[in-house]
Amino acid sequence: MIATSEIKISCFVDEEQDTQALQAVHRAFGLSDNQPVVVPELIVIGKH
């Protein structure tokens, strides 16, 4: 039997550490494949 499911992960990190955090998640889940990490521009509406 093969079972699959979607896993969604959310977290908050300081903007200065966004690339490092993304790289850490990619390494942890084996997603790095030696591809460069591209961080998209985010639009922040208001600060909470």
PDB file of N, CA and C in Angstrom:
ATOM      1  N   MET A   1       0.844  -1.182   0.000  1.00  0.00           N
ATOM      2  CA  MET A   1       0.000   0.000   0.000  1.00  0.00           C
ATOM      3  C   MET A   1       0.886   1.242   0.000  1.00  0.00           C
ATOM      4  N   ILE A   2       0.538   2.203  -0.807  1.00  0.00           N
ATOM      5  CA  ILE A   2       1.253   3.475  -0.855  1.00  0.00           C
ATOM      6  C   ILE A   2       0.298   4.570  -0.417  1.00  0.00           C
ATOM      7  N   ALA A   3       0.732   5.347   0.551  1.00  0.00           N
ATOM      8  CA  ALA A   3      -0.090   6.463   1.033  1.00  0.00           C
ATOM      9  C   ALA A   3       0.705   7.751   0.892  1.00  0.00           C
ATOM     10  N   THR A   4       0.045   8.781   0.452  1.00  0.00           N
ATOM     11  CA  THR A   4       0.693  10.084   0.344  1.00  0.00           C
ATOM     12  C   THR A   4      -0.199  11.136   0.972  1.00  0.00           C
ATOM     13  N   SER A   5       0.405  12.228   1.356  1.00  0.00           N
ATOM     14  CA  SER A   5      -0.373  13.347   1.894  1.00  0.00           C
ATOM     15  C   SER A   5       0.413  14.624   1.676  1.00  0.00           C
ATOM     16  N   GLU A   6      -0.297  15.739   1.664  1.00  0.00           N
ATOM     17  CA  GLU A   6       0.353  17.044   1.563  1.00  0.00           C
ATOM     18  C   GLU A   6       0.783  17.484   2.943  1.00  0.00           C
ATOM     19  N   ILE A   7       1.947  18.051   3.015  1.00  0.00           N
ATOM     20  CA  ILE A   7       2.428  18.625   4.264  1.00  0.00           C
ATOM     21  C   ILE A   7       2.702  20.092   3.997  1.00  0.00           C
ATOM     22  N   LYS A   8       2.100  20.940   4.788  1.00  0.00           N
ATOM     23  CA  LYS A   8       2.329  22.378   4.655  1.00  0.00           C
ATOM     24  C   LYS A   8       3.037  22.859   5.913  1.00  0.00           C
ATOM     25  N   ILE A   9       4.096  23.600   5.718  1.00  0.00           N
ATOM     26  CA  ILE A   9       4.888  24.102   6.831  1.00  0.00           C
ATOM     27  C   ILE A   9       4.926  25.615   6.752  1.00  0.00           C
ATOM     28  N   SER A  10       4.634  26.255   7.863  1.00  0.00           N
ATOM     29  CA  SER A  10       4.699  27.719   7.937  1.00  0.00           C
ATOM     30  C   SER A  10       5.585  28.107   9.104  1.00  0.00           C
ATOM     31  N   CYS A  11       6.320  29.181   8.937  1.00  0.00           N
ATOM     32  CA  CYS A  11       7.132  29.691  10.037  1.00  0.00           C
ATOM     33  C   CYS A  11       7.430  31.162   9.787  1.00  0.00           C
ATOM     34  N   PHE A  12       7.793  31.845  10.846  1.00  0.00           N
ATOM     35  CA  PHE A  12       8.184  33.244  10.764  1.00  0.00           C
ATOM     36  C   PHE A  12       9.667  33.340  11.069  1.00  0.00           C
ATOM     37  N   VAL A  13      10.393  34.064  10.236  1.00  0.00           N
ATOM     38  CA  VAL A  13      11.819  34.293  10.466  1.00  0.00           C
ATOM     39  C   VAL A  13      12.115  35.765  10.221  1.00  0.00           C
ATOM     40  N   ASP A  14      13.197  36.234  10.829  1.00  0.00           N
ATOM     41  CA  ASP A  14      13.624  37.606  10.581  1.00  0.00           C
ATOM     42  C   ASP A  14      13.982  37.749   9.106  1.00  0.00           C
ATOM     43  N   GLU A  15      13.665  38.897   8.540  1.00  0.00           N
ATOM     44  CA  GLU A  15      13.920  39.128   7.118  1.00  0.00           C
ATOM     45  C   GLU A  15      15.396  38.936   6.775  1.00  0.00           C
ATOM     46  N   GLU A  16      16.271  39.275   7.706  1.00  0.00           N
ATOM     47  CA  GLU A  16      17.712  39.148   7.452  1.00  0.00           C
ATOM     48  C   GLU A  16      18.139  37.686   7.336  1.00  0.00           C
ATOM     49  N   GLN A  17      17.317  36.756   7.825  1.00  0.00           N
ATOM     50  CA  GLN A  17      17.683  35.341   7.817  1.00  0.00           C
ATOM     51  C   GLN A  17      16.791  34.515   6.894  1.00  0.00           C
ATOM     52  N   ASP A  18      16.055  35.159   5.995  1.00  0.00           N
ATOM     53  CA  ASP A  18      15.102  34.428   5.166  1.00  0.00           C
ATOM     54  C   ASP A  18      15.760  33.400   4.252  1.00  0.00           C
ATOM     55  N   THR A  19      16.845  33.764   3.612  1.00  0.00           N
ATOM     56  CA  THR A  19      17.516  32.830   2.706  1.00  0.00           C
ATOM     57  C   THR A  19      18.102  31.658   3.477  1.00  0.00           C
ATOM     58  N   GLN A  20      18.715  31.937   4.628  1.00  0.00           N
ATOM     59  CA  GLN A  20      19.292  30.866   5.443  1.00  0.00           C
ATOM     60  C   GLN A  20      18.211  29.907   5.930  1.00  0.00           C
ATOM     61  N   ALA A  21      17.057  30.443   6.322  1.00  0.00           N
ATOM     62  CA  ALA A  21      15.960  29.595   6.792  1.00  0.00           C
ATOM     63  C   ALA A  21      15.441  28.707   5.665  1.00  0.00           C
ATOM     64  N   LEU A  22      15.285  29.269   4.487  1.00  0.00           N
ATOM     65  CA  LEU A  22      14.802  28.495   3.344  1.00  0.00           C
ATOM     66  C   LEU A  22      15.787  27.388   2.983  1.00  0.00           C
ATOM     67  N   GLN A  23      17.066  27.701   3.009  1.00  0.00           N
ATOM     68  CA  GLN A  23      18.081  26.698   2.711  1.00  0.00           C
ATOM     69  C   GLN A  23      18.063  25.578   3.750  1.00  0.00           C
ATOM     70  N   ALA A  24      17.853  25.920   5.023  1.00  0.00           N
ATOM     71  CA  ALA A  24      17.804  24.910   6.082  1.00  0.00           C
ATOM     72  C   ALA A  24      16.626  23.959   5.882  1.00  0.00           C
ATOM     73  N   VAL A  25      15.475  24.490   5.510  1.00  0.00           N
ATOM     74  CA  VAL A  25      14.302  23.647   5.255  1.00  0.00           C
ATOM     75  C   VAL A  25      14.566  22.741   4.054  1.00  0.00           C
ATOM     76  N   HIS A  26      15.150  23.275   3.010  1.00  0.00           N
ATOM     77  CA  HIS A  26      15.453  22.472   1.825  1.00  0.00           C
ATOM     78  C   HIS A  26      16.423  21.349   2.159  1.00  0.00           C
ATOM     79  N   ARG A  27      17.445  21.645   2.960  1.00  0.00           N
ATOM     80  CA  ARG A  27      18.391  20.592   3.357  1.00  0.00           C
ATOM     81  C   ARG A  27      17.692  19.532   4.202  1.00  0.00           C
ATOM     82  N   ALA A  28      16.862  19.964   5.156  1.00  0.00           N
ATOM     83  CA  ALA A  28      16.195  19.035   6.070  1.00  0.00           C
ATOM     84  C   ALA A  28      15.274  18.066   5.336  1.00  0.00           C
ATOM     85  N   PHE A  29      14.639  18.523   4.266  1.00  0.00           N
ATOM     86  CA  PHE A  29      13.705  17.680   3.534  1.00  0.00           C
ATOM     87  C   PHE A  29      14.281  17.153   2.220  1.00  0.00           C
ATOM     88  N   GLY A  30      15.585  17.301   2.042  1.00  0.00           N
ATOM     89  CA  GLY A  30      16.232  16.768   0.845  1.00  0.00           C
ATOM     90  C   GLY A  30      15.785  17.429  -0.441  1.00  0.00           C
ATOM     91  N   LEU A  31      15.508  18.713  -0.391  1.00  0.00           N
ATOM     92  CA  LEU A  31      15.017  19.424  -1.568  1.00  0.00           C
ATOM     93  C   LEU A  31      16.091  20.269  -2.245  1.00  0.00           C
ATOM     94  N   SER A  32      17.296  20.260  -1.706  1.00  0.00           N
ATOM     95  CA  SER A  32      18.316  21.190  -2.192  1.00  0.00           C
ATOM     96  C   SER A  32      18.778  20.902  -3.616  1.00  0.00           C
ATOM     97  N   ASP A  33      19.023  19.652  -3.974  1.00  0.00           N
ATOM     98  CA  ASP A  33      19.441  19.288  -5.333  1.00  0.00           C
ATOM     99  C   ASP A  33      20.486  20.226  -5.925  1.00  0.00           C
ATOM    100  N   ASN A  34      21.244  20.891  -5.088  1.00  0.00           N
ATOM    101  CA  ASN A  34      22.295  21.803  -5.532  1.00  0.00           C
ATOM    102  C   ASN A  34      21.795  22.910  -6.449  1.00  0.00           C
ATOM    103  N   GLN A  35      20.534  23.250  -6.354  1.00  0.00           N
ATOM    104  CA  GLN A  35      19.962  24.344  -7.132  1.00  0.00           C
ATOM    105  C   GLN A  35      20.031  25.623  -6.299  1.00  0.00           C
ATOM    106  N   PRO A  36      20.265  26.761  -6.932  1.00  0.00           N
ATOM    107  CA  PRO A  36      20.293  28.015  -6.179  1.00  0.00           C
ATOM    108  C   PRO A  36      18.913  28.331  -5.602  1.00  0.00           C
ATOM    109  N   VAL A  37      18.926  28.943  -4.437  1.00  0.00           N
ATOM    110  CA  VAL A  37      17.680  29.336  -3.788  1.00  0.00           C
ATOM    111  C   VAL A  37      17.315  30.739  -4.239  1.00  0.00           C
ATOM    112  N   VAL A  38      16.098  30.912  -4.720  1.00  0.00           N
ATOM    113  CA  VAL A  38      15.608  32.214  -5.149  1.00  0.00           C
ATOM    114  C   VAL A  38      14.496  32.625  -4.194  1.00  0.00           C
ATOM    115  N   VAL A  39      14.698  33.741  -3.517  1.00  0.00           N
ATOM    116  CA  VAL A  39      13.700  34.235  -2.579  1.00  0.00           C
ATOM    117  C   VAL A  39      12.864  35.289  -3.290  1.00  0.00           C
ATOM    118  N   PRO A  40      11.559  35.035  -3.441  1.00  0.00           N
ATOM    119  CA  PRO A  40      10.710  36.012  -4.130  1.00  0.00           C
ATOM    120  C   PRO A  40      10.516  37.264  -3.293  1.00  0.00           C
ATOM    121  N   GLU A  41      10.257  38.364  -3.959  1.00  0.00           N
ATOM    122  CA  GLU A  41       9.945  39.602  -3.257  1.00  0.00           C
ATOM    123  C   GLU A  41       8.575  39.448  -2.612  1.00  0.00           C
ATOM    124  N   LEU A  42       8.484  39.835  -1.355  1.00  0.00           N
ATOM    125  CA  LEU A  42       7.220  39.748  -0.641  1.00  0.00           C
ATOM    126  C   LEU A  42       6.661  41.139  -0.421  1.00  0.00           C
ATOM    127  N   ILE A  43       5.364  41.237  -0.462  1.00  0.00           N
ATOM    128  CA  ILE A  43       4.703  42.504  -0.168  1.00  0.00           C
ATOM    129  C   ILE A  43       4.164  42.414   1.248  1.00  0.00           C
ATOM    130  N   VAL A  44       4.640  43.286   2.121  1.00  0.00           N
ATOM    131  CA  VAL A  44       4.185  43.305   3.507  1.00  0.00           C
ATOM    132  C   VAL A  44       3.187  44.441   3.650  1.00  0.00           C
ATOM    133  N   ILE A  45       1.994  44.087   4.099  1.00  0.00           N
ATOM    134  CA  ILE A  45       0.950  45.087   4.298  1.00  0.00           C
ATOM    135  C   ILE A  45       0.781  45.276   5.794  1.00  0.00           C
ATOM    136  N   GLY A  46       1.275  46.400   6.290  1.00  0.00           N
ATOM    137  CA  GLY A  46       1.175  46.685   7.722  1.00  0.00           C
ATOM    138  C   GLY A  46       2.081  45.790   8.541  1.00  0.00           C
ATOM    139  N   LYS A  47       2.410  46.230   9.720  1.00  0.00           N
ATOM    140  CA  LYS A  47       3.214  45.432  10.648  1.00  0.00           C
ATOM    141  C   LYS A  47       2.370  45.186  11.879  1.00  0.00           C
ATOM    142  N   HIS A  48       2.381  43.954  12.344  1.00  0.00           N
ATOM    143  CA  HIS A  48       1.549  43.590  13.498  1.00  0.00           C
ATOM    144  C   HIS A  48       2.354  43.647  14.764  1.00  0.00           C
TER     145      HIS A  48
END
